[in-house]
Amino acid sequence: MSYLKVLPITALKIDRTFVAECTQDPRDRAIMEASIFLGHRLGLEVVAEGVETDEQQALLQEMRCDLLQGFYYHRPMDAELAARLLRADKSALSPTGKTSH
């Protein structure tokens, strides 16, 4: 935690291990909620990784997490494909048209 104060960081990332069970485990939910609150109070952007379900996505949006990443949006891809899709249309990054807020 002391690194949050001294390092020149701009974002705080919530590990996928907390996201995976956040809709079933109240402790994981509490850790995520506290991390988002702490990150925002420190002026950091908060990113959740490993989002895979509608429920996880909805909960993280409700908690006001800034960015979400994971298979919910798209499987990993190489840089060339990502650049091509971004040039074409940002919604093309997801076969379902889902985008993070």
Protein backbone atom coordinates (compact mmCIF):
# COMPACT_ATOMS: atom_id res chain seq x y z
CA MET A 1 0.00 0.00 0.00
CA SER A 2 2.87 2.39 0.67
CA TYR A 3 3.76 2.26 -3.04
CA LEU A 4 0.44 3.90 -3.88
CA LYS A 5 1.71 6.98 -2.10
CA VAL A 6 5.28 7.18 -3.41
CA LEU A 7 5.28 5.78 -6.95
CA PRO A 8 4.25 7.95 -9.91
CA ILE A 9 1.26 5.81 -10.92
CA THR A 10 -1.90 6.87 -12.71
CA ALA A 11 -3.96 3.69 -12.46
CA LEU A 12 -4.86 0.98 -9.99
CA LYS A 13 -5.65 -2.46 -11.40
CA ILE A 14 -7.96 -4.92 -9.64
CA ASP A 15 -6.67 -8.44 -10.16
CA ARG A 16 -8.87 -10.99 -11.86
CA THR A 17 -8.80 -13.21 -8.76
CA PHE A 18 -11.12 -10.73 -7.03
CA VAL A 19 -13.32 -10.23 -10.10
CA ALA A 20 -13.81 -13.97 -10.69
CA GLU A 21 -15.93 -14.56 -7.58
CA CYS A 22 -17.18 -11.03 -6.92
CA THR A 23 -20.82 -11.90 -7.46
CA GLN A 24 -20.70 -14.87 -5.04
CA ASP A 25 -18.08 -13.95 -2.43
CA PRO A 26 -18.88 -10.90 -0.28
CA ARG A 27 -15.20 -10.58 0.68
CA ASP A 28 -14.12 -10.26 -2.95
CA ARG A 29 -16.90 -7.72 -3.50
CA ALA A 30 -15.74 -5.73 -0.45
CA ILE A 31 -12.12 -5.75 -1.65
CA MET A 32 -13.18 -4.51 -5.09
CA GLU A 33 -15.43 -1.82 -3.66
CA ALA A 34 -12.71 -0.61 -1.28
CA SER A 35 -10.09 -0.67 -4.06
CA ILE A 36 -12.27 1.41 -6.37
CA PHE A 37 -13.01 3.90 -3.59
CA LEU A 38 -9.33 4.13 -2.60
CA GLY A 39 -8.18 4.50 -6.20
CA HIS A 40 -10.63 7.30 -6.86
CA ARG A 41 -9.75 9.10 -3.61
CA LEU A 42 -6.09 8.99 -4.70
CA GLY A 43 -7.00 10.41 -8.11
CA LEU A 44 -6.21 7.17 -9.93
CA GLU A 45 -8.03 5.48 -12.76
CA VAL A 46 -9.29 2.05 -11.64
CA VAL A 47 -9.13 -0.92 -14.02
CA ALA A 48 -10.71 -4.33 -13.37
CA GLU A 49 -9.24 -7.27 -15.23
CA GLY A 50 -10.80 -10.63 -15.95
CA VAL A 51 -14.39 -9.54 -16.54
CA GLU A 52 -16.22 -12.51 -18.08
CA THR A 53 -19.93 -12.28 -17.25
CA ASP A 54 -22.86 -9.89 -17.47
CA GLU A 55 -23.12 -9.96 -13.68
CA GLN A 56 -19.47 -8.99 -13.14
CA GLN A 57 -19.75 -6.21 -15.70
CA ALA A 58 -22.93 -4.82 -14.14
CA LEU A 59 -21.50 -4.92 -10.61
CA LEU A 60 -18.28 -3.16 -11.63
CA GLN A 61 -20.22 -0.48 -13.49
CA GLU A 62 -22.45 -0.03 -10.43
CA MET A 63 -19.29 0.40 -8.34
CA ARG A 64 -18.10 3.04 -10.84
CA CYS A 65 -14.98 1.18 -11.95
CA ASP A 66 -13.38 3.26 -14.70
CA LEU A 67 -12.24 0.57 -17.12
CA LEU A 68 -13.10 -3.10 -17.52
CA GLN A 69 -11.14 -5.68 -19.47
CA GLY A 70 -11.59 -9.36 -20.08
CA PHE A 71 -13.16 -12.05 -22.23
CA TYR A 72 -16.56 -10.39 -21.74
CA TYR A 73 -15.40 -7.88 -24.35
CA HIS A 74 -13.07 -9.95 -26.51
CA ARG A 75 -10.50 -12.73 -26.48
CA PRO A 76 -6.81 -11.71 -26.62
CA MET A 77 -5.57 -10.75 -30.07
CA ASP A 78 -2.30 -9.78 -31.67
CA ALA A 79 -1.37 -6.12 -32.16
CA GLU A 80 -1.99 -6.15 -35.93
CA LEU A 81 -5.58 -7.38 -35.58
CA ALA A 82 -6.27 -4.95 -32.72
CA ALA A 83 -4.97 -2.00 -34.75
CA ARG A 84 -7.04 -3.05 -37.77
CA LEU A 85 -10.19 -3.35 -35.69
CA LEU A 86 -9.61 -0.03 -33.96
CA ARG A 87 -9.15 1.71 -37.29
CA ALA A 88 -12.32 0.12 -38.67
CA ASP A 89 -14.71 0.51 -35.75
CA LYS A 90 -14.25 0.38 -31.98
CA SER A 91 -17.40 -1.72 -31.59
CA ALA A 92 -15.74 -4.36 -33.79
CA LEU A 93 -13.53 -5.29 -30.85
CA SER A 94 -16.37 -7.37 -29.51
CA PRO A 95 -18.36 -9.93 -31.44
CA THR A 96 -21.35 -8.89 -29.33
CA GLY A 97 -20.74 -5.16 -29.74
CA LYS A 98 -20.15 -4.78 -25.99
CA THR A 99 -17.88 -1.94 -24.95
CA SER A 100 -16.46 -0.85 -21.62
CA HIS A 101 -17.57 2.52 -20.28
